[in-house]
Amino acid sequence: MAKRVSVGRRIADDITPKKGFDALFSNTPVHQPTSTTANTKKYEKGTFYFDPDDLAQLEKVWLQLMSQGIRCNKSEIASILLSAGLEEHERNPANSPLSQRLTGKRRRS
């Protein structure tokens, strides 16, 4: 049986030198924990606000997938859809759904 790892040690192992905006624009790689298994993906918590209609549609899709026997949660669905949208924006920024939906919004000055 493996020795238990203290909470303090787990927290120290999970601390990354840079997170968020700084991690996106630095040349220093962000620390990736090595204690995850091959089938487990570690997610980070984020807080976002959603349109109520989008949340209702997310719930509907989740229920449909569950009724098909696909075990998932709404966070996984949102993460997959977010990744797909960001990939599409990287491929074609001028015509991506993101750019089209945000066109006409006030820009920061």
N, C-alpha and C. Protein backbone atom coordinates (compact mmCIF):
# COMPACT_ATOMS: atom_id res chain seq x y z
N MET A 1 0.85 -1.18 0.00
CA MET A 1 0.00 0.00 0.00
C MET A 1 0.89 1.24 0.00
N ALA A 2 0.55 2.19 -0.83
CA ALA A 2 1.34 3.42 -0.96
C ALA A 2 1.12 4.33 0.25
N LYS A 3 2.16 5.06 0.60
CA LYS A 3 2.08 6.00 1.71
C LYS A 3 1.21 7.19 1.32
N ARG A 4 0.37 7.64 2.26
CA ARG A 4 -0.49 8.79 1.99
C ARG A 4 0.35 10.04 1.82
N VAL A 5 -0.09 10.87 0.89
CA VAL A 5 0.58 12.15 0.65
C VAL A 5 -0.18 13.22 1.41
N SER A 6 0.53 14.04 2.15
CA SER A 6 -0.12 15.07 2.95
C SER A 6 -0.80 16.11 2.05
N VAL A 7 -1.81 16.75 2.59
CA VAL A 7 -2.52 17.80 1.86
C VAL A 7 -1.56 18.93 1.49
N GLY A 8 -0.70 19.30 2.40
CA GLY A 8 0.27 20.36 2.12
C GLY A 8 1.17 20.01 0.95
N ARG A 9 1.59 18.75 0.87
CA ARG A 9 2.46 18.32 -0.23
C ARG A 9 1.69 18.33 -1.56
N ARG A 10 0.42 17.88 -1.53
CA ARG A 10 -0.40 17.89 -2.75
C ARG A 10 -0.62 19.31 -3.24
N ILE A 11 -0.87 20.23 -2.32
CA ILE A 11 -1.06 21.63 -2.70
C ILE A 11 0.23 22.18 -3.29
N ALA A 12 1.35 21.88 -2.65
CA ALA A 12 2.65 22.36 -3.15
C ALA A 12 2.92 21.79 -4.55
N ASP A 13 2.56 20.55 -4.80
CA ASP A 13 2.78 19.93 -6.11
C ASP A 13 1.90 20.56 -7.18
N ASP A 14 0.71 21.03 -6.79
CA ASP A 14 -0.23 21.59 -7.76
C ASP A 14 -0.02 23.07 -8.05
N ILE A 15 0.81 23.74 -7.26
CA ILE A 15 1.02 25.17 -7.46
C ILE A 15 1.78 25.38 -8.77
N THR A 16 1.23 26.23 -9.59
CA THR A 16 1.90 26.54 -10.86
C THR A 16 2.52 27.92 -10.75
N PRO A 17 3.65 28.14 -11.43
CA PRO A 17 4.31 29.43 -11.32
C PRO A 17 3.49 30.56 -11.93
N LYS A 18 2.76 30.28 -13.00
CA LYS A 18 1.97 31.32 -13.65
C LYS A 18 0.64 30.71 -14.06
N LYS A 19 -0.41 31.47 -13.86
CA LYS A 19 -1.74 31.04 -14.27
C LYS A 19 -2.41 32.16 -15.03
N GLY A 20 -3.47 31.79 -15.74
CA GLY A 20 -4.30 32.78 -16.40
C GLY A 20 -3.58 33.53 -17.50
N PHE A 21 -3.76 34.83 -17.54
CA PHE A 21 -3.27 35.69 -18.61
C PHE A 21 -1.76 35.61 -18.76
N ASP A 22 -1.02 35.57 -17.65
CA ASP A 22 0.45 35.50 -17.70
C ASP A 22 0.92 34.20 -18.35
N ALA A 23 0.24 33.10 -18.09
CA ALA A 23 0.64 31.81 -18.66
C ALA A 23 0.43 31.78 -20.16
N LEU A 24 -0.54 32.51 -20.66
CA LEU A 24 -0.82 32.51 -22.09
C LEU A 24 0.26 33.21 -22.89
N PHE A 25 0.89 34.22 -22.32
CA PHE A 25 1.80 35.06 -23.08
C PHE A 25 3.25 35.00 -22.59
N SER A 26 3.62 33.95 -21.91
CA SER A 26 5.01 33.83 -21.48
C SER A 26 5.65 32.64 -22.18
N ASN A 27 6.96 32.66 -22.25
CA ASN A 27 7.69 31.56 -22.86
C ASN A 27 7.96 30.44 -21.87
N THR A 28 7.72 30.69 -20.61
CA THR A 28 7.95 29.68 -19.59
C THR A 28 6.77 28.71 -19.58
N PRO A 29 7.05 27.40 -19.71
CA PRO A 29 5.94 26.45 -19.69
C PRO A 29 5.28 26.40 -18.32
N VAL A 30 3.98 26.20 -18.31
CA VAL A 30 3.24 26.09 -17.08
C VAL A 30 3.43 24.68 -16.53
N HIS A 31 3.63 24.57 -15.22
CA HIS A 31 3.82 23.27 -14.58
C HIS A 31 2.61 22.38 -14.82
N GLN A 32 2.88 21.16 -15.28
CA GLN A 32 1.82 20.19 -15.50
C GLN A 32 1.97 19.10 -14.45
N PRO A 33 0.96 18.83 -13.62
CA PRO A 33 1.08 17.81 -12.59
C PRO A 33 1.32 16.44 -13.23
N THR A 34 2.17 15.65 -12.61
CA THR A 34 2.48 14.33 -13.15
C THR A 34 1.73 13.22 -12.44
N SER A 35 0.91 13.56 -11.47
CA SER A 35 0.23 12.54 -10.68
C SER A 35 -1.10 12.10 -11.27
N THR A 36 -1.50 12.59 -12.43
CA THR A 36 -2.76 12.19 -13.01
C THR A 36 -2.59 10.90 -13.79
N THR A 37 -3.64 10.11 -13.85
CA THR A 37 -3.59 8.86 -14.60
C THR A 37 -3.89 9.14 -16.06
N ALA A 38 -3.73 8.14 -16.92
CA ALA A 38 -3.91 8.31 -18.36
C ALA A 38 -5.35 8.67 -18.71
N ASN A 39 -6.33 8.16 -17.98
CA ASN A 39 -7.74 8.40 -18.31
C ASN A 39 -8.33 9.59 -17.57
N THR A 40 -7.59 10.18 -16.65
CA THR A 40 -8.12 11.28 -15.85
C THR A 40 -7.56 12.59 -16.36
N LYS A 41 -8.45 13.52 -16.66
CA LYS A 41 -8.02 14.85 -17.08
C LYS A 41 -8.32 15.80 -15.93
N LYS A 42 -7.33 16.59 -15.56
CA LYS A 42 -7.52 17.51 -14.46
C LYS A 42 -8.08 18.82 -15.00
N TYR A 43 -9.17 19.25 -14.43
CA TYR A 43 -9.80 20.49 -14.83
C TYR A 43 -9.51 21.56 -13.80
N GLU A 44 -9.52 22.80 -14.24
CA GLU A 44 -9.40 23.92 -13.32
C GLU A 44 -10.74 24.62 -13.24
N LYS A 45 -11.02 25.16 -12.10
CA LYS A 45 -12.29 25.82 -11.87
C LYS A 45 -12.30 27.20 -12.51
N GLY A 46 -13.40 27.56 -13.12
CA GLY A 46 -13.60 28.88 -13.70
C GLY A 46 -15.03 29.32 -13.47
N THR A 47 -15.25 30.58 -13.38
CA THR A 47 -16.59 31.09 -13.18
C THR A 47 -16.99 31.92 -14.40
N PHE A 48 -18.10 31.55 -15.01
CA PHE A 48 -18.59 32.23 -16.19
C PHE A 48 -20.09 32.45 -16.04
N TYR A 49 -20.59 33.45 -16.73
CA TYR A 49 -22.02 33.73 -16.73
C TYR A 49 -22.58 33.35 -18.08
N PHE A 50 -23.71 32.65 -18.08
CA PHE A 50 -24.31 32.14 -19.29
C PHE A 50 -25.70 32.70 -19.48
N ASP A 51 -26.10 32.81 -20.72
CA ASP A 51 -27.46 33.16 -21.06
C ASP A 51 -28.37 32.02 -20.58
N PRO A 52 -29.52 32.32 -19.98
CA PRO A 52 -30.41 31.26 -19.51
C PRO A 52 -30.84 30.28 -20.62
N ASP A 53 -31.02 30.78 -21.84
CA ASP A 53 -31.39 29.89 -22.94
C ASP A 53 -30.24 28.92 -23.28
N ASP A 54 -29.00 29.40 -23.19
CA ASP A 54 -27.86 28.53 -23.44
C ASP A 54 -27.76 27.44 -22.37
N LEU A 55 -28.02 27.81 -21.12
CA LEU A 55 -27.99 26.82 -20.05
C LEU A 55 -29.10 25.77 -20.23
N ALA A 56 -30.27 26.22 -20.67
CA ALA A 56 -31.37 25.27 -20.92
C ALA A 56 -30.99 24.32 -22.06
N GLN A 57 -30.35 24.85 -23.09
CA GLN A 57 -29.94 24.00 -24.21
C GLN A 57 -28.83 23.03 -23.76
N LEU A 58 -27.93 23.48 -22.93
CA LEU A 58 -26.88 22.61 -22.40
C LEU A 58 -27.50 21.46 -21.60
N GLU A 59 -28.47 21.77 -20.78
CA GLU A 59 -29.18 20.75 -19.99
C GLU A 59 -29.86 19.74 -20.91
N LYS A 60 -30.49 20.24 -21.98
CA LYS A 60 -31.18 19.36 -22.93
C LYS A 60 -30.19 18.41 -23.61
N VAL A 61 -29.05 18.95 -24.06
CA VAL A 61 -28.03 18.12 -24.71
C VAL A 61 -27.48 17.08 -23.73
N TRP A 62 -27.23 17.50 -22.50
CA TRP A 62 -26.73 16.59 -21.48
C TRP A 62 -27.70 15.44 -21.25
N LEU A 63 -28.98 15.76 -21.13
CA LEU A 63 -29.99 14.71 -20.92
C LEU A 63 -30.07 13.77 -22.12
N GLN A 64 -29.95 14.31 -23.34
CA GLN A 64 -29.97 13.46 -24.53
C GLN A 64 -28.78 12.51 -24.53
N LEU A 65 -27.60 13.01 -24.22
CA LEU A 65 -26.41 12.17 -24.19
C LEU A 65 -26.53 11.10 -23.11
N MET A 66 -27.05 11.47 -21.95
CA MET A 66 -27.22 10.50 -20.87
C MET A 66 -28.23 9.42 -21.27
N SER A 67 -29.30 9.80 -21.98
CA SER A 67 -30.30 8.81 -22.41
C SER A 67 -29.73 7.87 -23.46
N GLN A 68 -28.67 8.29 -24.17
CA GLN A 68 -27.99 7.43 -25.15
C GLN A 68 -26.94 6.55 -24.48
N GLY A 69 -26.80 6.67 -23.17
CA GLY A 69 -25.83 5.86 -22.44
C GLY A 69 -24.44 6.46 -22.40
N ILE A 70 -24.30 7.72 -22.79
CA ILE A 70 -23.00 8.39 -22.77
C ILE A 70 -22.87 9.08 -21.42
N ARG A 71 -21.96 8.57 -20.59
CA ARG A 71 -21.76 9.14 -19.26
C ARG A 71 -20.88 10.38 -19.37
N CYS A 72 -21.41 11.50 -18.99
CA CYS A 72 -20.68 12.75 -19.06
C CYS A 72 -21.30 13.73 -18.08
N ASN A 73 -20.67 14.88 -17.95
CA ASN A 73 -21.28 15.94 -17.15
C ASN A 73 -21.28 17.22 -17.98
N LYS A 74 -21.99 18.21 -17.51
CA LYS A 74 -22.14 19.45 -18.28
C LYS A 74 -20.82 20.20 -18.41
N SER A 75 -19.93 20.06 -17.45
CA SER A 75 -18.61 20.70 -17.56
C SER A 75 -17.82 20.12 -18.72
N GLU A 76 -17.89 18.79 -18.90
CA GLU A 76 -17.19 18.17 -20.04
C GLU A 76 -17.75 18.67 -21.36
N ILE A 77 -19.07 18.76 -21.45
CA ILE A 77 -19.71 19.24 -22.68
C ILE A 77 -19.28 20.67 -22.97
N ALA A 78 -19.33 21.54 -21.96
CA ALA A 78 -18.95 22.94 -22.15
C ALA A 78 -17.47 23.04 -22.55
N SER A 79 -16.62 22.23 -21.96
CA SER A 79 -15.20 22.25 -22.29
C SER A 79 -14.95 21.82 -23.73
N ILE A 80 -15.64 20.78 -24.18
CA ILE A 80 -15.49 20.30 -25.56
C ILE A 80 -15.98 21.36 -26.55
N LEU A 81 -17.12 21.95 -26.27
CA LEU A 81 -17.66 22.98 -27.17
C LEU A 81 -16.78 24.23 -27.17
N LEU A 82 -16.26 24.59 -26.03
CA LEU A 82 -15.36 25.74 -25.95
C LEU A 82 -14.09 25.48 -26.77
N SER A 83 -13.51 24.28 -26.62
CA SER A 83 -12.31 23.93 -27.39
C SER A 83 -12.57 23.99 -28.89
N ALA A 84 -13.72 23.44 -29.31
CA ALA A 84 -14.07 23.44 -30.74
C ALA A 84 -14.22 24.87 -31.25
N GLY A 85 -14.87 25.72 -30.48
CA GLY A 85 -15.05 27.11 -30.88
C GLY A 85 -13.74 27.87 -30.95
N LEU A 86 -12.85 27.62 -30.00
CA LEU A 86 -11.55 28.29 -30.01
C LEU A 86 -10.68 27.81 -31.17
N GLU A 87 -10.76 26.51 -31.49
CA GLU A 87 -10.02 25.99 -32.64
C GLU A 87 -10.53 26.62 -33.93
N GLU A 88 -11.83 26.75 -34.06
CA GLU A 88 -12.41 27.37 -35.25
C GLU A 88 -11.96 28.83 -35.36
N HIS A 89 -11.91 29.53 -34.24
CA HIS A 89 -11.48 30.93 -34.25
C HIS A 89 -10.01 31.04 -34.65
N GLU A 90 -9.17 30.09 -34.20
CA GLU A 90 -7.75 30.10 -34.57
C GLU A 90 -7.58 29.88 -36.07
N ARG A 91 -8.39 28.99 -36.65
CA ARG A 91 -8.29 28.68 -38.08
C ARG A 91 -8.71 29.86 -38.94
N ASN A 92 -9.79 30.53 -38.55
CA ASN A 92 -10.34 31.60 -39.38
C ASN A 92 -10.91 32.69 -38.48
N PRO A 93 -10.05 33.53 -37.92
CA PRO A 93 -10.51 34.52 -36.95
C PRO A 93 -11.54 35.51 -37.49
N ALA A 94 -11.41 35.91 -38.74
CA ALA A 94 -12.31 36.93 -39.29
C ALA A 94 -13.73 36.42 -39.46
N ASN A 95 -13.90 35.13 -39.75
CA ASN A 95 -15.23 34.57 -40.02
C ASN A 95 -15.68 33.56 -38.99
N SER A 96 -15.03 33.51 -37.85
CA SER A 96 -15.42 32.54 -36.82
C SER A 96 -16.75 32.96 -36.19
N PRO A 97 -17.50 31.99 -35.67
CA PRO A 97 -18.74 32.35 -34.96
C PRO A 97 -18.49 33.32 -33.82
N LEU A 98 -17.35 33.21 -33.17
CA LEU A 98 -17.01 34.14 -32.09
C LEU A 98 -16.94 35.57 -32.60
N SER A 99 -16.19 35.78 -33.68
CA SER A 99 -16.07 37.12 -34.26
C SER A 99 -17.41 37.63 -34.76
N GLN A 100 -18.19 36.76 -35.38
CA GLN A 100 -19.49 37.18 -35.92
C GLN A 100 -20.45 37.58 -34.82
N ARG A 101 -20.45 36.84 -33.69
CA ARG A 101 -21.37 37.18 -32.60
C ARG A 101 -20.95 38.44 -31.86
N LEU A 102 -19.65 38.72 -31.85
CA LEU A 102 -19.15 39.87 -31.10
C LEU A 102 -19.00 41.12 -31.96
N THR A 103 -19.17 41.02 -33.26
CA THR A 103 -19.06 42.17 -34.15
C THR A 103 -20.11 43.20 -33.77
N GLY A 104 -19.67 44.43 -33.67
CA GLY A 104 -20.60 45.51 -33.31
C GLY A 104 -20.62 45.83 -31.84
N LYS A 105 -20.04 44.94 -31.01
CA LYS A 105 -19.97 45.25 -29.58
C LYS A 105 -18.93 46.32 -29.35
N ARG A 106 -19.11 47.11 -28.33
CA ARG A 106 -18.16 48.16 -28.00
C ARG A 106 -16.81 47.57 -27.64
N ARG A 107 -15.77 48.13 -28.17
CA ARG A 107 -14.41 47.65 -27.87
C ARG A 107 -13.85 48.46 -26.71
N ARG A 108 -12.94 47.80 -26.00
CA ARG A 108 -12.23 48.51 -24.91
C ARG A 108 -11.28 49.51 -25.52
N SER A 109 -11.12 50.64 -24.87
CA SER A 109 -10.18 51.64 -25.39
C SER A 109 -9.01 51.79 -24.47
